[in-house]
């Protein structure tokens, strides 16, 4: 088996970081947290206790708050800090830790 290393400049052609790293998180009325990608597609969900992480899909209902880990100005492709923040948010989410330290913006649902 041969492995090919991907240069950072070629990443966008090989792996769409915006599709595999979270852009932000929805929080629903019952406390469920759902990570979403740059297209706002659900990625992973966990209950209010931070337990039972599972793959998420479909439409998210009863969102009371949204938070973001990066923005268009500091995107994954032009900011190593944004990429690291998004990676840390993903790992923290999966192991049941809070992601508050990685949030750069938040909005309560209308």
PDB file of N, CA and C in Angstrom:
ATOM      1  N   UNK A   1       0.851  -1.177   0.000  1.00  0.00           N
ATOM      2  CA  UNK A   1       0.000   0.000   0.000  1.00  0.00           C
ATOM      3  C   UNK A   1       0.892   1.233   0.000  1.00  0.00           C
ATOM      4  N   UNK A   2       0.556   2.190  -0.841  1.00  0.00           N
ATOM      5  CA  UNK A   2       1.317   3.423  -0.952  1.00  0.00           C
ATOM      6  C   UNK A   2       0.462   4.580  -0.452  1.00  0.00           C
ATOM      7  N   UNK A   3       1.080   5.423   0.345  1.00  0.00           N
ATOM      8  CA  UNK A   3       0.397   6.598   0.851  1.00  0.00           C
ATOM      9  C   UNK A   3       0.923   7.828   0.142  1.00  0.00           C
ATOM     10  N   UNK A   4       0.044   8.730  -0.172  1.00  0.00           N
ATOM     11  CA  UNK A   4       0.428   9.990  -0.793  1.00  0.00           C
ATOM     12  C   UNK A   4       0.162  11.110   0.200  1.00  0.00           C
ATOM     13  N   UNK A   5       1.183  11.883   0.482  1.00  0.00           N
ATOM     14  CA  UNK A   5       1.010  13.015   1.380  1.00  0.00           C
ATOM     15  C   UNK A   5       0.411  14.177   0.605  1.00  0.00           C
ATOM     16  N   UNK A   6      -0.508  14.853   1.241  1.00  0.00           N
ATOM     17  CA  UNK A   6      -1.191  15.970   0.603  1.00  0.00           C
ATOM     18  C   UNK A   6      -0.616  17.266   1.147  1.00  0.00           C
ATOM     19  N   UNK A   7      -0.167  18.114   0.254  1.00  0.00           N
ATOM     20  CA  UNK A   7       0.330  19.427   0.648  1.00  0.00           C
ATOM     21  C   UNK A   7      -0.862  20.306   1.030  1.00  0.00           C
ATOM     22  N   UNK A   8      -0.622  21.247   1.902  1.00  0.00           N
ATOM     23  CA  UNK A   8      -1.701  22.135   2.352  1.00  0.00           C
ATOM     24  C   UNK A   8      -2.366  22.832   1.172  1.00  0.00           C
ATOM     25  N   UNK A   9      -1.585  23.212   0.155  1.00  0.00           N
ATOM     26  CA  UNK A   9      -2.140  23.898  -1.010  1.00  0.00           C
ATOM     27  C   UNK A   9      -3.098  23.009  -1.790  1.00  0.00           C
ATOM     28  N   UNK A  10      -2.910  21.691  -1.713  1.00  0.00           N
ATOM     29  CA  UNK A  10      -3.746  20.754  -2.452  1.00  0.00           C
ATOM     30  C   UNK A  10      -4.945  20.258  -1.636  1.00  0.00           C
ATOM     31  N   UNK A  11      -5.029  20.658  -0.378  1.00  0.00           N
ATOM     32  CA  UNK A  11      -6.084  20.139   0.487  1.00  0.00           C
ATOM     33  C   UNK A  11      -7.475  20.398  -0.059  1.00  0.00           C
ATOM     34  N   UNK A  12      -7.694  21.585  -0.581  1.00  0.00           N
ATOM     35  CA  UNK A  12      -9.042  21.912  -1.037  1.00  0.00           C
ATOM     36  C   UNK A  12      -9.476  21.014  -2.189  1.00  0.00           C
ATOM     37  N   UNK A  13      -8.521  20.512  -2.954  1.00  0.00           N
ATOM     38  CA  UNK A  13      -8.848  19.615  -4.058  1.00  0.00           C
ATOM     39  C   UNK A  13      -9.057  18.182  -3.578  1.00  0.00           C
ATOM     40  N   UNK A  14      -8.495  17.813  -2.458  1.00  0.00           N
ATOM     41  CA  UNK A  14      -8.546  16.449  -1.959  1.00  0.00           C
ATOM     42  C   UNK A  14      -9.626  16.247  -0.901  1.00  0.00           C
ATOM     43  N   UNK A  15      -9.624  17.125   0.063  1.00  0.00           N
ATOM     44  CA  UNK A  15     -10.541  17.017   1.200  1.00  0.00           C
ATOM     45  C   UNK A  15     -11.141  18.397   1.430  1.00  0.00           C
ATOM     46  N   UNK A  16     -12.421  18.445   1.479  1.00  0.00           N
ATOM     47  CA  UNK A  16     -13.077  19.716   1.776  1.00  0.00           C
ATOM     48  C   UNK A  16     -13.194  19.849   3.291  1.00  0.00           C
ATOM     49  N   UNK A  17     -12.288  20.615   3.872  1.00  0.00           N
ATOM     50  CA  UNK A  17     -12.286  20.770   5.322  1.00  0.00           C
ATOM     51  C   UNK A  17     -13.626  21.265   5.834  1.00  0.00           C
ATOM     52  N   UNK A  18     -14.278  22.124   5.074  1.00  0.00           N
ATOM     53  CA  UNK A  18     -15.575  22.658   5.507  1.00  0.00           C
ATOM     54  C   UNK A  18     -16.645  21.571   5.589  1.00  0.00           C
ATOM     55  N   UNK A  19     -16.367  20.404   4.981  1.00  0.00           N
ATOM     56  CA  UNK A  19     -17.318  19.292   5.031  1.00  0.00           C
ATOM     57  C   UNK A  19     -17.011  18.292   6.138  1.00  0.00           C
ATOM     58  N   UNK A  20     -15.809  18.338   6.706  1.00  0.00           N
ATOM     59  CA  UNK A  20     -15.441  17.351   7.730  1.00  0.00           C
ATOM     60  C   UNK A  20     -15.190  17.956   9.104  1.00  0.00           C
ATOM     61  N   UNK A  21     -15.016  19.269   9.164  1.00  0.00           N
ATOM     62  CA  UNK A  21     -14.834  19.934  10.454  1.00  0.00           C
ATOM     63  C   UNK A  21     -16.058  20.801  10.737  1.00  0.00           C
ATOM     64  N   UNK A  22     -16.445  20.901  11.993  1.00  0.00           N
ATOM     65  CA  UNK A  22     -17.650  21.675  12.318  1.00  0.00           C
ATOM     66  C   UNK A  22     -17.461  23.178  12.131  1.00  0.00           C
ATOM     67  N   UNK A  23     -18.510  23.795  11.618  1.00  0.00           N
ATOM     68  CA  UNK A  23     -18.587  25.247  11.489  1.00  0.00           C
ATOM     69  C   UNK A  23     -19.213  25.836  12.751  1.00  0.00           C
ATOM     70  N   UNK A  24     -20.131  25.089  13.340  1.00  0.00           N
ATOM     71  CA  UNK A  24     -20.812  25.572  14.532  1.00  0.00           C
ATOM     72  C   UNK A  24     -21.668  24.494  15.157  1.00  0.00           C
ATOM     73  N   UNK A  25     -22.562  24.927  16.034  1.00  0.00           N
ATOM     74  CA  UNK A  25     -23.387  23.985  16.778  1.00  0.00           C
ATOM     75  C   UNK A  25     -24.774  24.573  17.007  1.00  0.00           C
ATOM     76  N   UNK A  26     -25.783  23.740  16.797  1.00  0.00           N
ATOM     77  CA  UNK A  26     -27.152  24.071  17.177  1.00  0.00           C
ATOM     78  C   UNK A  26     -27.382  23.559  18.589  1.00  0.00           C
ATOM     79  N   UNK A  27     -28.157  24.286  19.376  1.00  0.00           N
ATOM     80  CA  UNK A  27     -28.607  23.822  20.680  1.00  0.00           C
ATOM     81  C   UNK A  27     -30.131  23.875  20.648  1.00  0.00           C
ATOM     82  N   UNK A  28     -30.760  22.755  20.947  1.00  0.00           N
ATOM     83  CA  UNK A  28     -32.221  22.680  20.869  1.00  0.00           C
ATOM     84  C   UNK A  28     -32.855  22.922  22.239  1.00  0.00           C
ATOM     85  N   UNK A  29     -34.167  23.051  22.244  1.00  0.00           N
ATOM     86  CA  UNK A  29     -34.913  23.348  23.466  1.00  0.00           C
ATOM     87  C   UNK A  29     -34.688  22.304  24.559  1.00  0.00           C
ATOM     88  N   UNK A  30     -34.492  21.046  24.190  1.00  0.00           N
ATOM     89  CA  UNK A  30     -34.281  20.005  25.201  1.00  0.00           C
ATOM     90  C   UNK A  30     -32.811  19.843  25.593  1.00  0.00           C
ATOM     91  N   UNK A  31     -31.941  20.740  25.068  1.00  0.00           N
ATOM     92  CA  UNK A  31     -30.527  20.718  25.427  1.00  0.00           C
ATOM     93  C   UNK A  31     -29.645  19.882  24.508  1.00  0.00           C
ATOM     94  N   UNK A  32     -30.246  19.218  23.527  1.00  0.00           N
ATOM     95  CA  UNK A  32     -29.452  18.454  22.563  1.00  0.00           C
ATOM     96  C   UNK A  32     -28.540  19.408  21.807  1.00  0.00           C
ATOM     97  N   UNK A  33     -27.298  18.990  21.601  1.00  0.00           N
ATOM     98  CA  UNK A  33     -26.316  19.772  20.869  1.00  0.00           C
ATOM     99  C   UNK A  33     -25.994  19.045  19.571  1.00  0.00           C
ATOM    100  N   UNK A  34     -25.991  19.785  18.459  1.00  0.00           N
ATOM    101  CA  UNK A  34     -25.743  19.190  17.150  1.00  0.00           C
ATOM    102  C   UNK A  34     -24.681  20.004  16.427  1.00  0.00           C
ATOM    103  N   UNK A  35     -23.542  19.392  16.138  1.00  0.00           N
ATOM    104  CA  UNK A  35     -22.526  20.057  15.332  1.00  0.00           C
ATOM    105  C   UNK A  35     -23.002  20.110  13.891  1.00  0.00           C
ATOM    106  N   UNK A  36     -22.697  21.222  13.216  1.00  0.00           N
ATOM    107  CA  UNK A  36     -23.036  21.319  11.797  1.00  0.00           C
ATOM    108  C   UNK A  36     -21.826  21.780  10.997  1.00  0.00           C
ATOM    109  N   UNK A  37     -21.809  21.395   9.703  1.00  0.00           N
ATOM    110  CA  UNK A  37     -20.700  21.777   8.834  1.00  0.00           C
ATOM    111  C   UNK A  37     -20.974  23.143   8.206  1.00  0.00           C
ATOM    112  N   UNK A  38     -20.107  23.562   7.307  1.00  0.00           N
ATOM    113  CA  UNK A  38     -20.210  24.894   6.709  1.00  0.00           C
ATOM    114  C   UNK A  38     -21.492  25.071   5.896  1.00  0.00           C
ATOM    115  N   UNK A  39     -22.099  23.976   5.478  1.00  0.00           N
ATOM    116  CA  UNK A  39     -23.360  24.030   4.735  1.00  0.00           C
ATOM    117  C   UNK A  39     -24.567  23.942   5.671  1.00  0.00           C
ATOM    118  N   UNK A  40     -24.296  23.952   6.976  1.00  0.00           N
ATOM    119  CA  UNK A  40     -25.316  23.824   8.016  1.00  0.00           C
ATOM    120  C   UNK A  40     -25.969  22.444   8.033  1.00  0.00           C
ATOM    121  N   UNK A  41     -25.292  21.444   7.475  1.00  0.00           N
ATOM    122  CA  UNK A  41     -25.771  20.066   7.552  1.00  0.00           C
ATOM    123  C   UNK A  41     -25.349  19.474   8.887  1.00  0.00           C
ATOM    124  N   UNK A  42     -26.252  18.818   9.608  1.00  0.00           N
ATOM    125  CA  UNK A  42     -25.895  18.193  10.885  1.00  0.00           C
ATOM    126  C   UNK A  42     -24.805  17.132  10.707  1.00  0.00           C
ATOM    127  N   UNK A  43     -23.878  17.105  11.663  1.00  0.00           N
ATOM    128  CA  UNK A  43     -22.778  16.141  11.616  1.00  0.00           C
ATOM    129  C   UNK A  43     -22.895  15.122  12.752  1.00  0.00           C
ATOM    130  N   UNK A  44     -22.863  15.616  13.985  1.00  0.00           N
ATOM    131  CA  UNK A  44     -22.930  14.768  15.170  1.00  0.00           C
ATOM    132  C   UNK A  44     -23.856  15.411  16.183  1.00  0.00           C
ATOM    133  N   UNK A  45     -24.510  14.578  16.978  1.00  0.00           N
ATOM    134  CA  UNK A  45     -25.420  15.066  18.016  1.00  0.00           C
ATOM    135  C   UNK A  45     -25.083  14.385  19.334  1.00  0.00           C
ATOM    136  N   UNK A  46     -25.388  15.070  20.425  1.00  0.00           N
ATOM    137  CA  UNK A  46     -25.257  14.476  21.761  1.00  0.00           C
ATOM    138  C   UNK A  46     -26.351  15.058  22.642  1.00  0.00           C
ATOM    139  N   UNK A  47     -26.691  14.311  23.691  1.00  0.00           N
ATOM    140  CA  UNK A  47     -27.758  14.784  24.575  1.00  0.00           C
ATOM    141  C   UNK A  47     -27.250  15.910  25.475  1.00  0.00           C
ATOM    142  N   UNK A  48     -28.145  16.447  26.281  1.00  0.00           N
ATOM    143  CA  UNK A  48     -27.826  17.602  27.126  1.00  0.00           C
ATOM    144  C   UNK A  48     -26.724  17.320  28.135  1.00  0.00           C
ATOM    145  N   UNK A  49     -26.503  16.054  28.478  1.00  0.00           N
ATOM    146  CA  UNK A  49     -25.444  15.693  29.424  1.00  0.00           C
ATOM    147  C   UNK A  49     -24.093  15.520  28.749  1.00  0.00           C
ATOM    148  N   UNK A  50     -24.053  15.658  27.432  1.00  0.00           N
ATOM    149  CA  UNK A  50     -22.806  15.449  26.701  1.00  0.00           C
ATOM    150  C   UNK A  50     -22.546  13.988  26.401  1.00  0.00           C
ATOM    151  N   UNK A  51     -23.550  13.146  26.610  1.00  0.00           N
ATOM    152  CA  UNK A  51     -23.414  11.704  26.391  1.00  0.00           C
ATOM    153  C   UNK A  51     -24.066  11.302  25.069  1.00  0.00           C
ATOM    154  N   UNK A  52     -23.900  10.037  24.740  1.00  0.00           N
ATOM    155  CA  UNK A  52     -24.590   9.441  23.585  1.00  0.00           C
ATOM    156  C   UNK A  52     -24.324  10.184  22.280  1.00  0.00           C
ATOM    157  N   UNK A  53     -23.055  10.398  21.966  1.00  0.00           N
ATOM    158  CA  UNK A  53     -22.698  11.039  20.704  1.00  0.00           C
ATOM    159  C   UNK A  53     -23.018  10.085  19.565  1.00  0.00           C
ATOM    160  N   UNK A  54     -23.698  10.622  18.558  1.00  0.00           N
ATOM    161  CA  UNK A  54     -24.032   9.805  17.396  1.00  0.00           C
ATOM    162  C   UNK A  54     -24.042  10.662  16.141  1.00  0.00           C
ATOM    163  N   UNK A  55     -23.940  10.004  15.018  1.00  0.00           N
ATOM    164  CA  UNK A  55     -23.996  10.688  13.731  1.00  0.00           C
ATOM    165  C   UNK A  55     -25.378  11.315  13.589  1.00  0.00           C
ATOM    166  N   UNK A  56     -25.417  12.528  13.084  1.00  0.00           N
ATOM    167  CA  UNK A  56     -26.688  13.240  12.934  1.00  0.00           C
ATOM    168  C   UNK A  56     -26.966  13.492  11.454  1.00  0.00           C
ATOM    169  N   UNK A  57     -28.220  13.597  11.132  1.00  0.00           N
ATOM    170  CA  UNK A  57     -28.618  13.943   9.772  1.00  0.00           C
ATOM    171  C   UNK A  57     -30.034  14.506   9.817  1.00  0.00           C
ATOM    172  N   UNK A  58     -30.472  15.016   8.703  1.00  0.00           N
ATOM    173  CA  UNK A  58     -31.845  15.502   8.625  1.00  0.00           C
ATOM    174  C   UNK A  58     -32.003  16.936   9.087  1.00  0.00           C
ATOM    175  N   UNK A  59     -33.238  17.305   9.291  1.00  0.00           N
ATOM    176  CA  UNK A  59     -33.603  18.661   9.693  1.00  0.00           C
ATOM    177  C   UNK A  59     -33.575  18.777  11.208  1.00  0.00           C
ATOM    178  N   UNK A  60     -33.006  19.855  11.707  1.00  0.00           N
ATOM    179  CA  UNK A  60     -32.928  20.089  13.150  1.00  0.00           C
ATOM    180  C   UNK A  60     -34.064  21.021  13.553  1.00  0.00           C
ATOM    181  N   UNK A  61     -34.879  20.576  14.490  1.00  0.00           N
ATOM    182  CA  UNK A  61     -36.032  21.363  14.945  1.00  0.00           C
ATOM    183  C   UNK A  61     -35.789  21.918  16.345  1.00  0.00           C
ATOM    184  N   UNK A  62     -36.556  22.926  16.704  1.00  0.00           N
ATOM    185  CA  UNK A  62     -36.551  23.529  18.042  1.00  0.00           C
ATOM    186  C   UNK A  62     -35.193  24.083  18.454  1.00  0.00           C
ATOM    187  N   UNK A  63     -34.496  24.705  17.508  1.00  0.00           N
ATOM    188  CA  UNK A  63     -33.201  25.322  17.809  1.00  0.00           C
ATOM    189  C   UNK A  63     -33.450  26.597  18.610  1.00  0.00           C
ATOM    190  N   UNK A  64     -32.764  26.702  19.752  1.00  0.00           N
ATOM    191  CA  UNK A  64     -32.896  27.902  20.583  1.00  0.00           C
ATOM    192  C   UNK A  64     -31.636  28.762  20.539  1.00  0.00           C
ATOM    193  N   UNK A  65     -30.529  28.170  20.068  1.00  0.00           N
ATOM    194  CA  UNK A  65     -29.265  28.907  20.025  1.00  0.00           C
ATOM    195  C   UNK A  65     -28.346  28.279  18.989  1.00  0.00           C
ATOM    196  N   UNK A  66     -27.547  29.143  18.326  1.00  0.00           N
ATOM    197  CA  UNK A  66     -26.511  28.688  17.431  1.00  0.00           C
ATOM    198  C   UNK A  66     -25.196  29.312  17.862  1.00  0.00           C
ATOM    199  N   UNK A  67     -24.113  28.554  17.725  1.00  0.00           N
ATOM    200  CA  UNK A  67     -22.780  29.087  17.977  1.00  0.00           C
ATOM    201  C   UNK A  67     -21.894  28.727  16.788  1.00  0.00           C
ATOM    202  N   UNK A  68     -20.833  29.517  16.586  1.00  0.00           N
ATOM    203  CA  UNK A  68     -19.914  29.278  15.474  1.00  0.00           C
ATOM    204  C   UNK A  68     -18.477  29.225  15.981  1.00  0.00           C
ATOM    205  N   UNK A  69     -17.678  28.379  15.314  1.00  0.00           N
ATOM    206  CA  UNK A  69     -16.275  28.192  15.674  1.00  0.00           C
ATOM    207  C   UNK A  69     -15.327  28.977  14.770  1.00  0.00           C
ATOM    208  N   UNK A  70     -15.796  29.420  13.624  1.00  0.00           N
ATOM    209  CA  UNK A  70     -15.028  30.285  12.726  1.00  0.00           C
ATOM    210  C   UNK A  70     -16.009  31.033  11.835  1.00  0.00           C
ATOM    211  N   UNK A  71     -15.490  31.948  11.025  1.00  0.00           N
ATOM    212  CA  UNK A  71     -16.352  32.706  10.118  1.00  0.00           C
ATOM    213  C   UNK A  71     -15.674  32.834   8.758  1.00  0.00           C
ATOM    214  N   UNK A  72     -16.289  33.550   7.839  1.00  0.00           N
ATOM    215  CA  UNK A  72     -15.728  33.678   6.494  1.00  0.00           C
ATOM    216  C   UNK A  72     -14.427  34.470   6.475  1.00  0.00           C
ATOM    217  N   UNK A  73     -14.266  35.384   7.396  1.00  0.00           N
ATOM    218  CA  UNK A  73     -13.029  36.158   7.465  1.00  0.00           C
ATOM    219  C   UNK A  73     -11.865  35.290   7.932  1.00  0.00           C
ATOM    220  N   UNK A  74     -12.127  34.434   8.904  1.00  0.00           N
ATOM    221  CA  UNK A  74     -11.114  33.515   9.427  1.00  0.00           C
ATOM    222  C   UNK A  74     -11.542  32.089   9.128  1.00  0.00           C
ATOM    223  N   UNK A  75     -11.492  31.722   7.858  1.00  0.00           N
ATOM    224  CA  UNK A  75     -11.977  30.410   7.442  1.00  0.00           C
ATOM    225  C   UNK A  75     -10.924  29.334   7.657  1.00  0.00           C
ATOM    226  N   UNK A  76     -11.332  28.098   7.466  1.00  0.00           N
ATOM    227  CA  UNK A  76     -10.435  26.963   7.654  1.00  0.00           C
ATOM    228  C   UNK A  76      -9.253  26.994   6.693  1.00  0.00           C
ATOM    229  N   UNK A  77      -9.449  27.527   5.511  1.00  0.00           N
ATOM    230  CA  UNK A  77      -8.384  27.522   4.508  1.00  0.00           C
ATOM    231  C   UNK A  77      -7.396  28.671   4.670  1.00  0.00           C
ATOM    232  N   UNK A  78      -7.781  29.751   5.336  1.00  0.00           N
ATOM    233  CA  UNK A  78      -6.838  30.867   5.454  1.00  0.00           C
ATOM    234  C   UNK A  78      -6.424  31.167   6.887  1.00  0.00           C
ATOM    235  N   UNK A  79      -6.851  30.343   7.825  1.00  0.00           N
ATOM    236  CA  UNK A  79      -6.497  30.591   9.221  1.00  0.00           C
ATOM    237  C   UNK A  79      -6.225  29.272   9.946  1.00  0.00           C
ATOM    238  N   UNK A  80      -4.973  29.070  10.307  1.00  0.00           N
ATOM    239  CA  UNK A  80      -4.633  27.857  11.058  1.00  0.00           C
ATOM    240  C   UNK A  80      -5.293  27.886  12.432  1.00  0.00           C
ATOM    241  N   UNK A  81      -5.512  29.084  12.974  1.00  0.00           N
ATOM    242  CA  UNK A  81      -6.196  29.198  14.271  1.00  0.00           C
ATOM    243  C   UNK A  81      -7.644  28.738  14.161  1.00  0.00           C
ATOM    244  N   UNK A  82      -8.323  29.093  13.073  1.00  0.00           N
ATOM    245  CA  UNK A  82      -9.708  28.661  12.866  1.00  0.00           C
ATOM    246  C   UNK A  82      -9.765  27.146  12.714  1.00  0.00           C
ATOM    247  N   UNK A  83      -8.827  26.610  11.960  1.00  0.00           N
ATOM    248  CA  UNK A  83      -8.799  25.154  11.767  1.00  0.00           C
ATOM    249  C   UNK A  83      -8.563  24.438  13.093  1.00  0.00           C
ATOM    250  N   UNK A  84      -7.616  24.920  13.879  1.00  0.00           N
ATOM    251  CA  UNK A  84      -7.323  24.309  15.175  1.00  0.00           C
ATOM    252  C   UNK A  84      -8.526  24.425  16.116  1.00  0.00           C
ATOM    253  N   UNK A  85      -9.182  25.581  16.114  1.00  0.00           N
ATOM    254  CA  UNK A  85     -10.358  25.783  16.967  1.00  0.00           C
ATOM    255  C   UNK A  85     -11.472  24.800  16.583  1.00  0.00           C
ATOM    256  N   UNK A  86     -11.693  24.619  15.295  1.00  0.00           N
ATOM    257  CA  UNK A  86     -12.722  23.702  14.822  1.00  0.00           C
ATOM    258  C   UNK A  86     -12.356  22.252  15.161  1.00  0.00           C
ATOM    259  N   UNK A  87     -11.091  21.901  14.993  1.00  0.00           N
ATOM    260  CA  UNK A  87     -10.635  20.539  15.343  1.00  0.00           C
ATOM    261  C   UNK A  87     -10.815  20.270  16.832  1.00  0.00           C
ATOM    262  N   UNK A  88     -10.442  21.236  17.661  1.00  0.00           N
ATOM    263  CA  UNK A  88     -10.575  21.069  19.114  1.00  0.00           C
ATOM    264  C   UNK A  88     -12.048  20.979  19.521  1.00  0.00           C
ATOM    265  N   UNK A  89     -12.896  21.761  18.868  1.00  0.00           N
ATOM    266  CA  UNK A  89     -14.332  21.692  19.163  1.00  0.00           C
ATOM    267  C   UNK A  89     -14.874  20.305  18.845  1.00  0.00           C
ATOM    268  N   UNK A  90     -14.462  19.740  17.713  1.00  0.00           N
ATOM    269  CA  UNK A  90     -14.917  18.403  17.328  1.00  0.00           C
ATOM    270  C   UNK A  90     -14.474  17.349  18.337  1.00  0.00           C
ATOM    271  N   UNK A  91     -13.206  17.376  18.707  1.00  0.00           N
ATOM    272  CA  UNK A  91     -12.695  16.396  19.670  1.00  0.00           C
ATOM    273  C   UNK A  91     -13.386  16.556  21.018  1.00  0.00           C
ATOM    274  N   UNK A  92     -13.505  17.788  21.492  1.00  0.00           N
ATOM    275  CA  UNK A  92     -14.161  18.038  22.778  1.00  0.00           C
ATOM    276  C   UNK A  92     -15.604  17.553  22.761  1.00  0.00           C
ATOM    277  N   UNK A  93     -16.300  17.812  21.678  1.00  0.00           N
ATOM    278  CA  UNK A  93     -17.688  17.385  21.543  1.00  0.00           C
ATOM    279  C   UNK A  93     -17.797  15.869  21.643  1.00  0.00           C
ATOM    280  N   UNK A  94     -16.962  15.166  20.904  1.00  0.00           N
ATOM    281  CA  UNK A  94     -17.039  13.706  20.841  1.00  0.00           C
ATOM    282  C   UNK A  94     -16.704  13.055  22.187  1.00  0.00           C
ATOM    283  N   UNK A  95     -15.782  13.654  22.943  1.00  0.00           N
ATOM    284  CA  UNK A  95     -15.421  13.049  24.237  1.00  0.00           C
ATOM    285  C   UNK A  95     -16.300  13.549  25.382  1.00  0.00           C
ATOM    286  N   UNK A  96     -17.275  14.406  25.065  1.00  0.00           N
ATOM    287  CA  UNK A  96     -18.234  14.840  26.075  1.00  0.00           C
ATOM    288  C   UNK A  96     -17.874  16.105  26.822  1.00  0.00           C
ATOM    289  N   UNK A  97     -16.846  16.809  26.363  1.00  0.00           N
ATOM    290  CA  UNK A  97     -16.458  18.065  27.013  1.00  0.00           C
ATOM    291  C   UNK A  97     -17.196  19.250  26.401  1.00  0.00           C
ATOM    292  N   UNK A  98     -17.192  20.360  27.115  1.00  0.00           N
ATOM    293  CA  UNK A  98     -17.810  21.591  26.625  1.00  0.00           C
ATOM    294  C   UNK A  98     -16.997  22.154  25.459  1.00  0.00           C
ATOM    295  N   UNK A  99     -17.666  22.861  24.574  1.00  0.00           N
ATOM    296  CA  UNK A  99     -16.990  23.478  23.432  1.00  0.00           C
ATOM    297  C   UNK A  99     -16.956  25.002  23.550  1.00  0.00           C
ATOM    298  N   UNK A 100     -17.373  25.523  24.676  1.00  0.00           N
ATOM    299  CA  UNK A 100     -17.484  26.976  24.871  1.00  0.00           C
ATOM    300  C   UNK A 100     -16.193  27.735  24.577  1.00  0.00           C
ATOM    301  N   UNK A 101     -15.059  27.146  24.865  1.00  0.00           N
ATOM    302  CA  UNK A 101     -13.781  27.829  24.659  1.00  0.00           C
ATOM    303  C   UNK A 101     -13.476  28.067  23.186  1.00  0.00           C
ATOM    304  N   UNK A 102     -14.191  27.432  22.284  1.00  0.00           N
ATOM    305  CA  UNK A 102     -13.894  27.516  20.854  1.00  0.00           C
ATOM    306  C   UNK A 102     -14.920  28.347  20.087  1.00  0.00           C
ATOM    307  N   UNK A 103     -15.896  28.877  20.787  1.00  0.00           N
ATOM    308  CA  UNK A 103     -16.965  29.669  20.173  1.00  0.00           C
ATOM    309  C   UNK A 103     -16.480  31.097  19.932  1.00  0.00           C
ATOM    310  N   UNK A 104     -16.698  31.584  18.693  1.00  0.00           N
ATOM    311  CA  UNK A 104     -16.332  32.972  18.395  1.00  0.00           C
ATOM    312  C   UNK A 104     -17.550  33.878  18.227  1.00  0.00           C
ATOM    313  N   UNK A 105     -18.724  33.254  18.035  1.00  0.00           N
ATOM    314  CA  UNK A 105     -19.942  34.043  17.877  1.00  0.00           C
ATOM    315  C   UNK A 105     -21.137  33.158  18.255  1.00  0.00           C
ATOM    316  N   UNK A 106     -22.182  33.778  18.739  1.00  0.00           N
ATOM    317  CA  UNK A 106     -23.390  33.018  19.074  1.00  0.00           C
ATOM    318  C   UNK A 106     -24.627  33.874  18.845  1.00  0.00           C
ATOM    319  N   UNK A 107     -25.753  33.187  18.666  1.00  0.00           N
ATOM    320  CA  UNK A 107     -27.015  33.894  18.402  1.00  0.00           C
ATOM    321  C   UNK A 107     -28.160  33.080  18.982  1.00  0.00           C
ATOM    322  N   UNK A 108     -29.010  33.744  19.737  1.00  0.00           N
ATOM    323  CA  UNK A 108     -30.228  33.122  20.242  1.00  0.00           C
ATOM    324  C   UNK A 108     -31.231  33.053  19.089  1.00  0.00           C
ATOM    325  N   UNK A 109     -32.011  31.996  19.048  1.00  0.00           N
ATOM    326  CA  UNK A 109     -33.031  31.860  18.002  1.00  0.00           C
ATOM    327  C   UNK A 109     -34.122  32.897  18.198  1.00  0.00           C
ATOM    328  N   UNK A 110     -34.670  33.334  17.094  1.00  0.00           N
ATOM    329  CA  UNK A 110     -35.715  34.358  17.147  1.00  0.00           C
ATOM    330  C   UNK A 110     -37.045  33.756  17.509  1.00  0.00           C
TER     331      UNK A 110
END
